[in-house]
Amino acid sequence: MHAAHERVVYERMKQAWQGDGLRAQPLLVPVTLAVTPAEARAVEEHADTLRSLGMDLALSGPDSVVVREVPALLRQGDISALTHDLLADLTTFGDSQRLQQRINEVLATMACHGSVRAHRRLTLPEMNALLRDMELTERSDQCNHGRPTWVQLDMQQLDKLFMRGQ
């Protein structure tokens, strides 16, 4: 379910990015995080890019940042991990030309953090919604990292899996 949801969220984020950018969701309670000096510089240097990614970050000191908005698709995700990974990507890839080449990697990271995780029990309506979303999503047969989201077994393979006839 994680791999399938990750692909669905990733493709939606790519479409939004190519359109008007990602829609932001204001946080009821802003999150304050400790950052490195390089990450603090990235917040200032890439403010426009961060906004287009649906992130509203502001320095609240030389070594801290306040997260006020996140992409609406990721409002349930780990905001701290998402922010640190995003700032690490911006710090690593630096200038805007390289960043544009890597934007899909950034979106993939964001999608991964915002997707349902193992051991989370989906309700029947959530399961059905995920399956309907997969039907409408390009390349939904694998996640952003190449893991399959489903497999097809014939009756012989299924019997072998459950040791039927042995």
N, C-alpha and C. Protein backbone atom coordinates (compact mmCIF):
# COMPACT_ATOMS: atom_id res chain seq x y z
N MET A 1 0.83 -1.19 0.00
CA MET A 1 0.00 0.00 0.00
C MET A 1 0.87 1.25 0.00
N HIS A 2 2.05 1.20 0.68
CA HIS A 2 2.93 2.37 0.70
C HIS A 2 3.43 2.68 -0.71
N ALA A 3 3.89 1.66 -1.41
CA ALA A 3 4.44 1.86 -2.75
C ALA A 3 3.37 2.41 -3.70
N ALA A 4 2.16 1.87 -3.62
CA ALA A 4 1.08 2.34 -4.49
C ALA A 4 0.70 3.78 -4.16
N HIS A 5 0.55 4.07 -2.88
CA HIS A 5 0.18 5.43 -2.47
C HIS A 5 1.28 6.43 -2.82
N GLU A 6 2.52 6.01 -2.66
CA GLU A 6 3.66 6.86 -3.00
C GLU A 6 3.62 7.25 -4.48
N ARG A 7 3.35 6.29 -5.36
CA ARG A 7 3.28 6.58 -6.80
C ARG A 7 2.14 7.54 -7.10
N VAL A 8 0.98 7.31 -6.50
CA VAL A 8 -0.18 8.17 -6.74
C VAL A 8 0.14 9.60 -6.31
N VAL A 9 0.69 9.76 -5.11
CA VAL A 9 1.02 11.09 -4.60
C VAL A 9 2.09 11.75 -5.46
N TYR A 10 3.10 10.99 -5.85
CA TYR A 10 4.19 11.52 -6.69
C TYR A 10 3.66 12.05 -8.02
N GLU A 11 2.82 11.27 -8.68
CA GLU A 11 2.30 11.71 -9.98
C GLU A 11 1.41 12.95 -9.83
N ARG A 12 0.64 13.01 -8.74
CA ARG A 12 -0.19 14.20 -8.50
C ARG A 12 0.70 15.42 -8.25
N MET A 13 1.77 15.23 -7.50
CA MET A 13 2.67 16.33 -7.21
C MET A 13 3.38 16.81 -8.48
N LYS A 14 3.77 15.89 -9.35
CA LYS A 14 4.40 16.28 -10.62
C LYS A 14 3.43 17.11 -11.46
N GLN A 15 2.18 16.68 -11.53
CA GLN A 15 1.18 17.44 -12.29
C GLN A 15 0.97 18.83 -11.70
N ALA A 16 0.88 18.90 -10.39
CA ALA A 16 0.70 20.20 -9.73
C ALA A 16 1.92 21.09 -9.95
N TRP A 17 3.11 20.51 -9.85
CA TRP A 17 4.36 21.26 -10.05
C TRP A 17 4.40 21.85 -11.45
N GLN A 18 4.01 21.06 -12.44
CA GLN A 18 4.04 21.53 -13.83
C GLN A 18 2.95 22.57 -14.09
N GLY A 19 1.93 22.57 -13.25
CA GLY A 19 0.87 23.57 -13.38
C GLY A 19 1.26 24.84 -12.64
N ASP A 20 0.56 25.10 -11.57
CA ASP A 20 0.78 26.34 -10.80
C ASP A 20 1.64 26.14 -9.57
N GLY A 21 2.25 24.98 -9.42
CA GLY A 21 2.98 24.68 -8.18
C GLY A 21 2.07 23.90 -7.25
N LEU A 22 2.61 23.47 -6.15
CA LEU A 22 1.85 22.65 -5.22
C LEU A 22 1.02 23.52 -4.27
N ARG A 23 -0.21 23.09 -4.03
CA ARG A 23 -1.10 23.81 -3.11
C ARG A 23 -0.62 23.58 -1.69
N ALA A 24 -0.50 24.65 -0.94
CA ALA A 24 0.00 24.58 0.44
C ALA A 24 -1.15 24.43 1.43
N GLN A 25 -0.83 23.78 2.54
CA GLN A 25 -1.78 23.61 3.64
C GLN A 25 -1.18 24.32 4.86
N PRO A 26 -1.79 25.41 5.33
CA PRO A 26 -1.26 26.06 6.54
C PRO A 26 -1.35 25.11 7.73
N LEU A 27 -0.33 25.14 8.57
CA LEU A 27 -0.32 24.32 9.78
C LEU A 27 -1.02 25.07 10.90
N LEU A 28 -1.84 24.38 11.64
CA LEU A 28 -2.53 24.97 12.77
C LEU A 28 -1.50 25.45 13.80
N VAL A 29 -0.49 24.59 14.03
CA VAL A 29 0.60 24.93 14.94
C VAL A 29 1.90 24.84 14.14
N PRO A 30 2.56 25.98 13.86
CA PRO A 30 3.82 25.92 13.12
C PRO A 30 4.85 25.05 13.84
N VAL A 31 5.73 24.43 13.05
CA VAL A 31 6.74 23.53 13.58
C VAL A 31 8.10 24.23 13.51
N THR A 32 8.80 24.27 14.64
CA THR A 32 10.14 24.87 14.68
C THR A 32 11.17 23.75 14.70
N LEU A 33 12.18 23.87 13.82
CA LEU A 33 13.21 22.84 13.68
C LEU A 33 14.60 23.45 13.76
N ALA A 34 15.52 22.71 14.35
CA ALA A 34 16.93 23.11 14.34
C ALA A 34 17.51 22.78 12.97
N VAL A 35 18.31 23.69 12.42
CA VAL A 35 18.93 23.48 11.11
C VAL A 35 20.41 23.83 11.17
N THR A 36 21.14 23.32 10.19
CA THR A 36 22.56 23.65 10.06
C THR A 36 22.70 25.00 9.38
N PRO A 37 23.88 25.63 9.44
CA PRO A 37 24.06 26.89 8.72
C PRO A 37 23.81 26.76 7.21
N ALA A 38 24.20 25.63 6.62
CA ALA A 38 23.97 25.41 5.19
C ALA A 38 22.47 25.32 4.89
N GLU A 39 21.73 24.64 5.76
CA GLU A 39 20.28 24.53 5.57
C GLU A 39 19.62 25.90 5.73
N ALA A 40 20.11 26.70 6.68
CA ALA A 40 19.56 28.04 6.88
C ALA A 40 19.78 28.89 5.62
N ARG A 41 20.97 28.79 5.00
CA ARG A 41 21.23 29.52 3.76
C ARG A 41 20.29 29.04 2.65
N ALA A 42 20.04 27.74 2.59
CA ALA A 42 19.15 27.19 1.57
C ALA A 42 17.73 27.75 1.71
N VAL A 43 17.28 27.94 2.95
CA VAL A 43 15.95 28.52 3.18
C VAL A 43 15.87 29.91 2.56
N GLU A 44 16.91 30.70 2.75
CA GLU A 44 16.92 32.06 2.20
C GLU A 44 17.10 32.08 0.69
N GLU A 45 18.05 31.26 0.19
CA GLU A 45 18.40 31.29 -1.23
C GLU A 45 17.32 30.68 -2.12
N HIS A 46 16.55 29.74 -1.60
CA HIS A 46 15.58 29.02 -2.41
C HIS A 46 14.14 29.25 -1.94
N ALA A 47 13.88 30.45 -1.42
CA ALA A 47 12.54 30.75 -0.88
C ALA A 47 11.46 30.58 -1.95
N ASP A 48 11.71 31.05 -3.18
CA ASP A 48 10.71 30.93 -4.24
C ASP A 48 10.46 29.47 -4.61
N THR A 49 11.52 28.69 -4.69
CA THR A 49 11.38 27.27 -5.01
C THR A 49 10.60 26.56 -3.91
N LEU A 50 10.93 26.86 -2.65
CA LEU A 50 10.24 26.24 -1.53
C LEU A 50 8.74 26.57 -1.58
N ARG A 51 8.41 27.83 -1.89
CA ARG A 51 7.01 28.22 -1.99
C ARG A 51 6.30 27.46 -3.12
N SER A 52 7.00 27.29 -4.26
CA SER A 52 6.37 26.56 -5.36
C SER A 52 6.19 25.08 -5.03
N LEU A 53 6.98 24.57 -4.07
CA LEU A 53 6.83 23.20 -3.60
C LEU A 53 5.77 23.08 -2.51
N GLY A 54 5.14 24.20 -2.17
CA GLY A 54 4.08 24.18 -1.16
C GLY A 54 4.61 24.29 0.26
N MET A 55 5.87 24.71 0.41
CA MET A 55 6.48 24.83 1.73
C MET A 55 6.65 26.32 2.08
N ASP A 56 6.20 26.69 3.27
CA ASP A 56 6.45 28.04 3.77
C ASP A 56 7.39 27.90 4.96
N LEU A 57 8.67 28.23 4.72
CA LEU A 57 9.70 28.15 5.76
C LEU A 57 10.25 29.55 6.00
N ALA A 58 10.55 29.84 7.25
CA ALA A 58 11.16 31.12 7.59
C ALA A 58 12.18 30.89 8.69
N LEU A 59 13.29 31.59 8.60
CA LEU A 59 14.30 31.49 9.65
C LEU A 59 13.73 32.13 10.91
N SER A 60 13.96 31.48 12.03
CA SER A 60 13.54 32.05 13.32
C SER A 60 14.75 32.25 14.22
N GLY A 61 15.91 32.23 13.62
CA GLY A 61 17.18 32.40 14.31
C GLY A 61 18.27 31.85 13.41
N PRO A 62 19.52 31.96 13.82
CA PRO A 62 20.61 31.48 12.96
C PRO A 62 20.63 29.97 12.77
N ASP A 63 20.01 29.24 13.70
CA ASP A 63 20.06 27.79 13.59
C ASP A 63 18.68 27.15 13.78
N SER A 64 17.62 27.89 13.42
CA SER A 64 16.28 27.31 13.50
C SER A 64 15.40 27.87 12.40
N VAL A 65 14.42 27.06 12.03
CA VAL A 65 13.48 27.44 10.98
C VAL A 65 12.07 27.09 11.44
N VAL A 66 11.10 27.89 11.01
CA VAL A 66 9.70 27.65 11.32
C VAL A 66 9.00 27.20 10.04
N VAL A 67 8.31 26.08 10.13
CA VAL A 67 7.52 25.58 9.01
C VAL A 67 6.07 25.99 9.26
N ARG A 68 5.54 26.82 8.35
CA ARG A 68 4.17 27.32 8.52
C ARG A 68 3.18 26.64 7.58
N GLU A 69 3.67 26.17 6.43
CA GLU A 69 2.81 25.50 5.46
C GLU A 69 3.56 24.34 4.85
N VAL A 70 2.82 23.28 4.49
CA VAL A 70 3.37 22.12 3.79
C VAL A 70 2.45 21.82 2.61
N PRO A 71 2.93 21.02 1.65
CA PRO A 71 2.04 20.65 0.54
C PRO A 71 0.78 19.97 1.08
N ALA A 72 -0.36 20.36 0.56
CA ALA A 72 -1.64 19.82 1.05
C ALA A 72 -1.67 18.29 0.95
N LEU A 73 -1.05 17.74 -0.09
CA LEU A 73 -1.03 16.28 -0.24
C LEU A 73 -0.26 15.59 0.89
N LEU A 74 0.60 16.34 1.58
CA LEU A 74 1.48 15.74 2.59
C LEU A 74 1.15 16.19 4.00
N ARG A 75 -0.01 16.73 4.21
CA ARG A 75 -0.34 17.28 5.54
C ARG A 75 -0.30 16.23 6.64
N GLN A 76 -0.43 14.95 6.29
CA GLN A 76 -0.40 13.88 7.29
C GLN A 76 1.02 13.33 7.50
N GLY A 77 1.99 13.78 6.71
CA GLY A 77 3.34 13.21 6.74
C GLY A 77 4.19 13.72 7.89
N ASP A 78 5.43 13.25 7.93
CA ASP A 78 6.42 13.64 8.94
C ASP A 78 7.06 14.96 8.49
N ILE A 79 6.59 16.06 9.03
CA ILE A 79 7.01 17.39 8.60
C ILE A 79 8.49 17.62 8.86
N SER A 80 8.97 17.17 9.99
CA SER A 80 10.38 17.35 10.33
C SER A 80 11.29 16.63 9.33
N ALA A 81 11.02 15.36 9.08
CA ALA A 81 11.85 14.59 8.15
C ALA A 81 11.75 15.16 6.73
N LEU A 82 10.54 15.53 6.32
CA LEU A 82 10.34 16.11 5.00
C LEU A 82 11.17 17.38 4.84
N THR A 83 11.10 18.27 5.82
CA THR A 83 11.82 19.54 5.75
C THR A 83 13.32 19.32 5.70
N HIS A 84 13.84 18.45 6.56
CA HIS A 84 15.29 18.21 6.57
C HIS A 84 15.76 17.57 5.26
N ASP A 85 14.99 16.62 4.72
CA ASP A 85 15.37 16.00 3.45
C ASP A 85 15.31 17.01 2.31
N LEU A 86 14.29 17.84 2.30
CA LEU A 86 14.16 18.85 1.26
C LEU A 86 15.31 19.85 1.33
N LEU A 87 15.65 20.31 2.52
CA LEU A 87 16.76 21.25 2.67
C LEU A 87 18.10 20.59 2.31
N ALA A 88 18.24 19.31 2.62
CA ALA A 88 19.46 18.59 2.22
C ALA A 88 19.58 18.54 0.71
N ASP A 89 18.47 18.28 0.01
CA ASP A 89 18.49 18.27 -1.45
C ASP A 89 18.86 19.64 -1.99
N LEU A 90 18.26 20.69 -1.45
CA LEU A 90 18.57 22.04 -1.91
C LEU A 90 20.03 22.40 -1.65
N THR A 91 20.54 22.00 -0.50
CA THR A 91 21.93 22.27 -0.16
C THR A 91 22.87 21.51 -1.09
N THR A 92 22.55 20.25 -1.36
CA THR A 92 23.40 19.41 -2.20
C THR A 92 23.40 19.86 -3.65
N PHE A 93 22.20 20.15 -4.20
CA PHE A 93 22.10 20.45 -5.63
C PHE A 93 22.32 21.91 -5.95
N GLY A 94 22.25 22.76 -4.93
CA GLY A 94 22.65 24.15 -5.07
C GLY A 94 21.89 24.99 -6.06
N ASP A 95 22.54 25.38 -7.16
CA ASP A 95 21.98 26.37 -8.06
C ASP A 95 20.68 25.90 -8.70
N SER A 96 19.92 26.87 -9.19
CA SER A 96 18.57 26.58 -9.66
C SER A 96 18.55 25.67 -10.88
N GLN A 97 19.57 25.75 -11.75
CA GLN A 97 19.57 24.88 -12.93
C GLN A 97 19.68 23.41 -12.51
N ARG A 98 20.59 23.10 -11.62
CA ARG A 98 20.70 21.73 -11.13
C ARG A 98 19.46 21.33 -10.36
N LEU A 99 18.89 22.27 -9.63
CA LEU A 99 17.69 21.97 -8.87
C LEU A 99 16.55 21.60 -9.82
N GLN A 100 16.42 22.31 -10.93
CA GLN A 100 15.37 22.00 -11.88
C GLN A 100 15.54 20.59 -12.44
N GLN A 101 16.77 20.16 -12.63
CA GLN A 101 17.03 18.81 -13.13
C GLN A 101 16.68 17.77 -12.09
N ARG A 102 16.72 18.13 -10.84
CA ARG A 102 16.49 17.18 -9.75
C ARG A 102 15.11 17.30 -9.11
N ILE A 103 14.26 18.15 -9.68
CA ILE A 103 12.99 18.41 -9.02
C ILE A 103 12.15 17.14 -8.84
N ASN A 104 12.23 16.22 -9.78
CA ASN A 104 11.48 14.97 -9.62
C ASN A 104 11.99 14.16 -8.44
N GLU A 105 13.30 14.22 -8.18
CA GLU A 105 13.84 13.53 -7.00
C GLU A 105 13.31 14.17 -5.72
N VAL A 106 13.23 15.49 -5.72
CA VAL A 106 12.69 16.19 -4.55
C VAL A 106 11.22 15.81 -4.36
N LEU A 107 10.46 15.81 -5.45
CA LEU A 107 9.04 15.45 -5.35
C LEU A 107 8.88 14.00 -4.91
N ALA A 108 9.77 13.11 -5.37
CA ALA A 108 9.72 11.71 -4.95
C ALA A 108 9.97 11.58 -3.46
N THR A 109 10.94 12.34 -2.94
CA THR A 109 11.21 12.34 -1.51
C THR A 109 9.99 12.82 -0.73
N MET A 110 9.38 13.89 -1.22
CA MET A 110 8.21 14.44 -0.55
C MET A 110 7.05 13.44 -0.58
N ALA A 111 6.86 12.79 -1.73
CA ALA A 111 5.77 11.81 -1.85
C ALA A 111 5.98 10.64 -0.90
N CYS A 112 7.23 10.19 -0.78
CA CYS A 112 7.53 9.07 0.10
C CYS A 112 7.16 9.41 1.54
N HIS A 113 7.51 10.61 1.98
CA HIS A 113 7.22 11.02 3.36
C HIS A 113 5.73 11.18 3.62
N GLY A 114 4.98 11.51 2.57
CA GLY A 114 3.56 11.75 2.76
C GLY A 114 2.67 10.54 2.55
N SER A 115 3.26 9.42 2.21
CA SER A 115 2.45 8.24 1.89
C SER A 115 2.17 7.40 3.13
N VAL A 116 1.10 6.60 3.03
CA VAL A 116 0.75 5.72 4.15
C VAL A 116 1.91 4.78 4.44
N ARG A 117 2.07 4.39 5.66
CA ARG A 117 3.18 3.55 6.10
C ARG A 117 2.72 2.16 6.46
N ALA A 118 3.68 1.27 6.56
CA ALA A 118 3.40 -0.10 6.98
C ALA A 118 2.75 -0.08 8.36
N HIS A 119 1.94 -1.06 8.64
CA HIS A 119 1.25 -1.24 9.92
C HIS A 119 0.10 -0.25 10.12
N ARG A 120 -0.14 0.62 9.15
CA ARG A 120 -1.33 1.47 9.23
C ARG A 120 -2.47 0.71 8.58
N ARG A 121 -3.53 0.55 9.30
CA ARG A 121 -4.69 -0.18 8.77
C ARG A 121 -5.56 0.80 8.00
N LEU A 122 -5.73 0.53 6.71
CA LEU A 122 -6.62 1.35 5.91
C LEU A 122 -8.05 0.84 6.08
N THR A 123 -8.97 1.76 6.06
CA THR A 123 -10.38 1.36 6.07
C THR A 123 -10.75 0.86 4.69
N LEU A 124 -11.86 0.17 4.58
CA LEU A 124 -12.31 -0.33 3.28
C LEU A 124 -12.49 0.82 2.27
N PRO A 125 -13.10 1.93 2.66
CA PRO A 125 -13.20 3.05 1.70
C PRO A 125 -11.82 3.59 1.28
N GLU A 126 -10.85 3.64 2.21
CA GLU A 126 -9.50 4.09 1.87
C GLU A 126 -8.83 3.12 0.89
N MET A 127 -9.01 1.82 1.12
CA MET A 127 -8.45 0.81 0.21
C MET A 127 -9.04 0.97 -1.19
N ASN A 128 -10.36 1.11 -1.25
CA ASN A 128 -11.02 1.26 -2.54
C ASN A 128 -10.59 2.55 -3.24
N ALA A 129 -10.44 3.62 -2.48
CA ALA A 129 -9.99 4.88 -3.07
C ALA A 129 -8.57 4.75 -3.63
N LEU A 130 -7.70 4.05 -2.91
CA LEU A 130 -6.33 3.84 -3.39
C LEU A 130 -6.35 3.04 -4.69
N LEU A 131 -7.16 2.00 -4.74
CA LEU A 131 -7.25 1.19 -5.96
C LEU A 131 -7.80 2.03 -7.12
N ARG A 132 -8.81 2.86 -6.88
CA ARG A 132 -9.35 3.73 -7.95
C ARG A 132 -8.28 4.72 -8.39
N ASP A 133 -7.52 5.28 -7.43
CA ASP A 133 -6.45 6.21 -7.78
C ASP A 133 -5.38 5.52 -8.62
N MET A 134 -5.07 4.27 -8.30
CA MET A 134 -4.08 3.53 -9.07
C MET A 134 -4.54 3.35 -10.51
N GLU A 135 -5.84 3.12 -10.70
CA GLU A 135 -6.38 2.95 -12.05
C GLU A 135 -6.20 4.20 -12.90
N LEU A 136 -6.16 5.36 -12.25
CA LEU A 136 -6.06 6.64 -12.96
C LEU A 136 -4.64 7.19 -13.02
N THR A 137 -3.68 6.48 -12.43
CA THR A 137 -2.33 7.01 -12.29
C THR A 137 -1.37 6.32 -13.25
N GLU A 138 -0.56 7.13 -13.93
CA GLU A 138 0.47 6.59 -14.81
C GLU A 138 1.49 5.79 -14.00
N ARG A 139 1.97 4.72 -14.57
CA ARG A 139 3.02 3.88 -13.97
C ARG A 139 2.69 3.44 -12.54
N SER A 140 1.42 3.20 -12.27
CA SER A 140 1.02 2.83 -10.91
C SER A 140 1.42 1.40 -10.56
N ASP A 141 2.02 0.69 -11.51
CA ASP A 141 2.44 -0.69 -11.23
C ASP A 141 3.73 -0.75 -10.42
N GLN A 142 4.38 0.40 -10.21
CA GLN A 142 5.58 0.43 -9.37
C GLN A 142 5.71 1.79 -8.71
N CYS A 143 6.39 1.79 -7.55
CA CYS A 143 6.60 3.04 -6.84
C CYS A 143 7.73 3.82 -7.49
N ASN A 144 8.04 4.96 -6.94
CA ASN A 144 9.10 5.82 -7.48
C ASN A 144 10.47 5.17 -7.43
N HIS A 145 10.64 4.19 -6.56
CA HIS A 145 11.92 3.52 -6.41
C HIS A 145 11.99 2.23 -7.21
N GLY A 146 10.92 1.89 -7.93
CA GLY A 146 10.91 0.70 -8.77
C GLY A 146 10.30 -0.54 -8.15
N ARG A 147 9.83 -0.45 -6.90
CA ARG A 147 9.20 -1.61 -6.27
C ARG A 147 7.81 -1.83 -6.87
N PRO A 148 7.44 -3.08 -7.11
CA PRO A 148 6.10 -3.32 -7.67
C PRO A 148 5.01 -2.99 -6.65
N THR A 149 3.88 -2.55 -7.16
CA THR A 149 2.74 -2.25 -6.28
C THR A 149 1.73 -3.39 -6.30
N TRP A 150 1.86 -4.30 -7.26
CA TRP A 150 0.99 -5.47 -7.33
C TRP A 150 1.67 -6.53 -8.18
N VAL A 151 1.24 -7.77 -8.01
CA VAL A 151 1.73 -8.89 -8.82
C VAL A 151 0.52 -9.73 -9.24
N GLN A 152 0.68 -10.41 -10.35
CA GLN A 152 -0.38 -11.28 -10.83
C GLN A 152 0.10 -12.72 -10.76
N LEU A 153 -0.69 -13.58 -10.12
CA LEU A 153 -0.35 -15.00 -9.99
C LEU A 153 -1.41 -15.82 -10.71
N ASP A 154 -0.94 -16.84 -11.41
CA ASP A 154 -1.92 -17.76 -11.99
C ASP A 154 -2.28 -18.80 -10.93
N MET A 155 -3.25 -19.65 -11.22
CA MET A 155 -3.74 -20.62 -10.24
C MET A 155 -2.63 -21.57 -9.79
N GLN A 156 -1.77 -21.98 -10.70
CA GLN A 156 -0.68 -22.90 -10.35
C GLN A 156 0.28 -22.24 -9.35
N GLN A 157 0.63 -21.01 -9.59
CA GLN A 157 1.51 -20.29 -8.67
C GLN A 157 0.85 -20.10 -7.31
N LEU A 158 -0.43 -19.82 -7.32
CA LEU A 158 -1.17 -19.63 -6.08
C LEU A 158 -1.24 -20.94 -5.29
N ASP A 159 -1.52 -22.04 -5.98
CA ASP A 159 -1.53 -23.35 -5.31
C ASP A 159 -0.17 -23.67 -4.71
N LYS A 160 0.88 -23.39 -5.45
CA LYS A 160 2.24 -23.66 -4.96
C LYS A 160 2.55 -22.80 -3.73
N LEU A 161 2.13 -21.56 -3.76
CA LEU A 161 2.36 -20.66 -2.62
C LEU A 161 1.74 -21.19 -1.34
N PHE A 162 0.56 -21.80 -1.45
CA PHE A 162 -0.13 -22.34 -0.28
C PHE A 162 0.04 -23.85 -0.14
N MET A 163 1.00 -24.41 -0.88
CA MET A 163 1.36 -25.83 -0.82
C MET A 163 0.15 -26.73 -1.04
N ARG A 164 -0.74 -26.34 -1.94
CA ARG A 164 -1.90 -27.17 -2.27
C ARG A 164 -1.46 -28.32 -3.18
N GLY A 165 -1.93 -29.49 -2.89
CA GLY A 165 -1.62 -30.66 -3.71
C GLY A 165 -0.31 -31.31 -3.32
N GLN A 166 0.26 -30.93 -2.20
CA GLN A 166 1.54 -31.52 -1.77
C GLN A 166 1.34 -32.44 -0.59
